[in-house]
Amino acid sequence: MTLVRPASKYQEARQLLNEPMNIGSLRRYRELAADRQHPEAAAIASLNQAFRDSVSGDEELFFMALEQGLL
């Protein structure tokens, strides 16, 4: 099966948020959020709290993300 990424970075970030959170999806979200010059940067930044909430619900993922500097 081939993974098809959505057309926009915001759509991809929303899709990541709607899937079970893992370290790979958190890394990808951080990549999407890192480009502050992108036209969708503000929309992606609006999802930051939802991602933090998602990660904080999983203690193991939370500490792994902290160790890797993703939070």
N, C-alpha and C. Protein backbone atom coordinates (compact mmCIF):
# COMPACT_ATOMS: atom_id res chain seq x y z
N MET A 1 0.84 -1.16 0.00
CA MET A 1 0.00 0.00 0.00
C MET A 1 0.89 1.24 0.00
N THR A 2 0.56 2.22 -0.80
CA THR A 2 1.31 3.45 -0.90
C THR A 2 0.61 4.54 -0.12
N LEU A 3 1.36 5.24 0.71
CA LEU A 3 0.81 6.35 1.47
C LEU A 3 0.78 7.58 0.59
N VAL A 4 -0.39 8.17 0.46
CA VAL A 4 -0.53 9.38 -0.34
C VAL A 4 -0.70 10.55 0.61
N ARG A 5 0.17 11.52 0.50
CA ARG A 5 0.09 12.69 1.37
C ARG A 5 -0.94 13.67 0.81
N PRO A 6 -1.68 14.32 1.69
CA PRO A 6 -2.66 15.31 1.26
C PRO A 6 -1.98 16.47 0.53
N ALA A 7 -2.78 17.21 -0.22
CA ALA A 7 -2.26 18.30 -1.03
C ALA A 7 -1.66 19.44 -0.20
N SER A 8 -2.21 19.70 0.97
CA SER A 8 -1.69 20.81 1.76
C SER A 8 -1.06 20.31 3.06
N LYS A 9 -0.14 21.11 3.56
CA LYS A 9 0.52 20.76 4.82
C LYS A 9 -0.48 20.77 5.97
N TYR A 10 -1.42 21.71 5.95
CA TYR A 10 -2.43 21.76 7.01
C TYR A 10 -3.28 20.50 7.00
N GLN A 11 -3.69 20.05 5.82
CA GLN A 11 -4.49 18.83 5.73
C GLN A 11 -3.70 17.63 6.25
N GLU A 12 -2.42 17.59 5.93
CA GLU A 12 -1.58 16.50 6.42
C GLU A 12 -1.47 16.54 7.95
N ALA A 13 -1.30 17.74 8.51
CA ALA A 13 -1.22 17.87 9.96
C ALA A 13 -2.52 17.43 10.62
N ARG A 14 -3.66 17.81 10.04
CA ARG A 14 -4.97 17.38 10.57
C ARG A 14 -5.11 15.86 10.50
N GLN A 15 -4.64 15.29 9.40
CA GLN A 15 -4.71 13.84 9.23
C GLN A 15 -3.87 13.14 10.31
N LEU A 16 -2.68 13.66 10.58
CA LEU A 16 -1.83 13.10 11.63
C LEU A 16 -2.52 13.16 12.98
N LEU A 17 -3.20 14.26 13.23
CA LEU A 17 -3.88 14.44 14.51
C LEU A 17 -5.02 13.45 14.70
N ASN A 18 -5.64 13.05 13.60
CA ASN A 18 -6.78 12.13 13.67
C ASN A 18 -6.38 10.67 13.72
N GLU A 19 -5.09 10.39 13.62
CA GLU A 19 -4.59 9.01 13.68
C GLU A 19 -3.99 8.76 15.06
N PRO A 20 -3.84 7.50 15.44
CA PRO A 20 -3.17 7.22 16.72
C PRO A 20 -1.76 7.83 16.71
N MET A 21 -1.43 8.55 17.76
CA MET A 21 -0.16 9.26 17.83
C MET A 21 0.99 8.29 18.10
N ASN A 22 2.07 8.47 17.36
CA ASN A 22 3.31 7.73 17.61
C ASN A 22 4.47 8.69 17.38
N ILE A 23 5.66 8.25 17.65
CA ILE A 23 6.82 9.14 17.56
C ILE A 23 7.06 9.60 16.12
N GLY A 24 6.77 8.73 15.15
CA GLY A 24 6.94 9.10 13.74
C GLY A 24 5.98 10.19 13.31
N SER A 25 4.72 10.09 13.73
CA SER A 25 3.75 11.12 13.36
C SER A 25 4.06 12.43 14.08
N LEU A 26 4.57 12.35 15.28
CA LEU A 26 4.95 13.57 15.99
C LEU A 26 6.13 14.25 15.30
N ARG A 27 7.11 13.46 14.87
CA ARG A 27 8.25 14.02 14.12
C ARG A 27 7.76 14.71 12.85
N ARG A 28 6.87 14.06 12.13
CA ARG A 28 6.36 14.63 10.88
C ARG A 28 5.62 15.93 11.16
N TYR A 29 4.83 15.96 12.22
CA TYR A 29 4.13 17.20 12.56
C TYR A 29 5.13 18.32 12.84
N ARG A 30 6.19 18.02 13.58
CA ARG A 30 7.20 19.04 13.89
C ARG A 30 7.85 19.55 12.60
N GLU A 31 8.05 18.66 11.62
CA GLU A 31 8.60 19.10 10.33
C GLU A 31 7.63 20.05 9.64
N LEU A 32 6.35 19.71 9.66
CA LEU A 32 5.34 20.56 9.03
C LEU A 32 5.26 21.92 9.72
N ALA A 33 5.36 21.92 11.04
CA ALA A 33 5.23 23.15 11.81
C ALA A 33 6.49 24.01 11.77
N ALA A 34 7.62 23.44 11.37
CA ALA A 34 8.90 24.16 11.41
C ALA A 34 9.00 25.26 10.36
N ASP A 35 8.30 25.14 9.25
CA ASP A 35 8.40 26.12 8.17
C ASP A 35 7.50 27.31 8.45
N ARG A 36 8.03 28.30 9.15
CA ARG A 36 7.24 29.48 9.55
C ARG A 36 6.91 30.40 8.37
N GLN A 37 7.60 30.23 7.25
CA GLN A 37 7.36 31.08 6.08
C GLN A 37 6.26 30.54 5.17
N HIS A 38 5.84 29.31 5.41
CA HIS A 38 4.81 28.68 4.57
C HIS A 38 3.48 29.40 4.77
N PRO A 39 2.70 29.58 3.71
CA PRO A 39 1.41 30.27 3.82
C PRO A 39 0.45 29.63 4.84
N GLU A 40 0.59 28.35 5.09
CA GLU A 40 -0.30 27.66 6.02
C GLU A 40 0.27 27.58 7.44
N ALA A 41 1.36 28.28 7.71
CA ALA A 41 2.04 28.17 9.00
C ALA A 41 1.12 28.51 10.17
N ALA A 42 0.32 29.55 10.06
CA ALA A 42 -0.58 29.93 11.16
C ALA A 42 -1.64 28.87 11.40
N ALA A 43 -2.15 28.29 10.33
CA ALA A 43 -3.16 27.24 10.46
C ALA A 43 -2.57 26.00 11.13
N ILE A 44 -1.36 25.64 10.74
CA ILE A 44 -0.69 24.49 11.35
C ILE A 44 -0.40 24.78 12.82
N ALA A 45 0.05 25.99 13.13
CA ALA A 45 0.34 26.36 14.52
C ALA A 45 -0.91 26.29 15.39
N SER A 46 -2.07 26.49 14.79
CA SER A 46 -3.32 26.42 15.56
C SER A 46 -3.59 25.01 16.08
N LEU A 47 -2.89 24.02 15.54
CA LEU A 47 -3.06 22.63 15.97
C LEU A 47 -2.09 22.24 17.09
N ASN A 48 -1.17 23.13 17.45
CA ASN A 48 -0.14 22.80 18.44
C ASN A 48 -0.72 22.27 19.74
N GLN A 49 -1.73 22.93 20.28
CA GLN A 49 -2.29 22.50 21.56
C GLN A 49 -2.93 21.12 21.45
N ALA A 50 -3.60 20.86 20.35
CA ALA A 50 -4.21 19.54 20.15
C ALA A 50 -3.14 18.45 20.10
N PHE A 51 -2.01 18.73 19.47
CA PHE A 51 -0.92 17.75 19.44
C PHE A 51 -0.33 17.56 20.83
N ARG A 52 -0.14 18.64 21.56
CA ARG A 52 0.38 18.51 22.93
C ARG A 52 -0.56 17.68 23.79
N ASP A 53 -1.85 17.93 23.67
CA ASP A 53 -2.84 17.16 24.44
C ASP A 53 -2.79 15.69 24.07
N SER A 54 -2.64 15.43 22.78
CA SER A 54 -2.59 14.05 22.30
C SER A 54 -1.37 13.32 22.86
N VAL A 55 -0.24 14.00 22.89
CA VAL A 55 0.99 13.39 23.39
C VAL A 55 0.96 13.25 24.90
N SER A 56 0.42 14.22 25.59
CA SER A 56 0.43 14.17 27.06
C SER A 56 -0.45 13.04 27.60
N GLY A 57 -1.35 12.52 26.79
CA GLY A 57 -2.19 11.41 27.22
C GLY A 57 -1.46 10.07 27.21
N ASP A 58 -0.28 10.01 26.61
CA ASP A 58 0.50 8.78 26.52
C ASP A 58 1.85 9.03 27.19
N GLU A 59 2.00 8.55 28.40
CA GLU A 59 3.20 8.84 29.19
C GLU A 59 4.49 8.40 28.50
N GLU A 60 4.49 7.21 27.93
CA GLU A 60 5.69 6.70 27.25
C GLU A 60 6.06 7.58 26.06
N LEU A 61 5.07 7.92 25.24
CA LEU A 61 5.30 8.79 24.09
C LEU A 61 5.76 10.18 24.54
N PHE A 62 5.15 10.68 25.59
CA PHE A 62 5.50 12.00 26.12
C PHE A 62 6.99 12.07 26.49
N PHE A 63 7.47 11.09 27.26
CA PHE A 63 8.87 11.12 27.68
C PHE A 63 9.82 10.84 26.52
N MET A 64 9.42 10.00 25.58
CA MET A 64 10.24 9.74 24.41
C MET A 64 10.37 11.03 23.58
N ALA A 65 9.27 11.74 23.40
CA ALA A 65 9.29 12.99 22.64
C ALA A 65 10.13 14.04 23.36
N LEU A 66 10.03 14.10 24.66
CA LEU A 66 10.84 15.04 25.44
C LEU A 66 12.32 14.75 25.28
N GLU A 67 12.70 13.47 25.37
CA GLU A 67 14.11 13.08 25.22
C GLU A 67 14.66 13.45 23.85
N GLN A 68 13.80 13.40 22.83
CA GLN A 68 14.24 13.67 21.47
C GLN A 68 14.06 15.13 21.07
N GLY A 69 13.63 15.96 22.01
CA GLY A 69 13.49 17.39 21.74
C GLY A 69 12.32 17.75 20.86
N LEU A 70 11.30 16.91 20.83
CA LEU A 70 10.14 17.17 19.98
C LEU A 70 9.06 17.99 20.68
N LEU A 71 9.21 18.19 21.97
CA LEU A 71 8.24 19.00 22.72
C LEU A 71 8.91 20.23 23.29
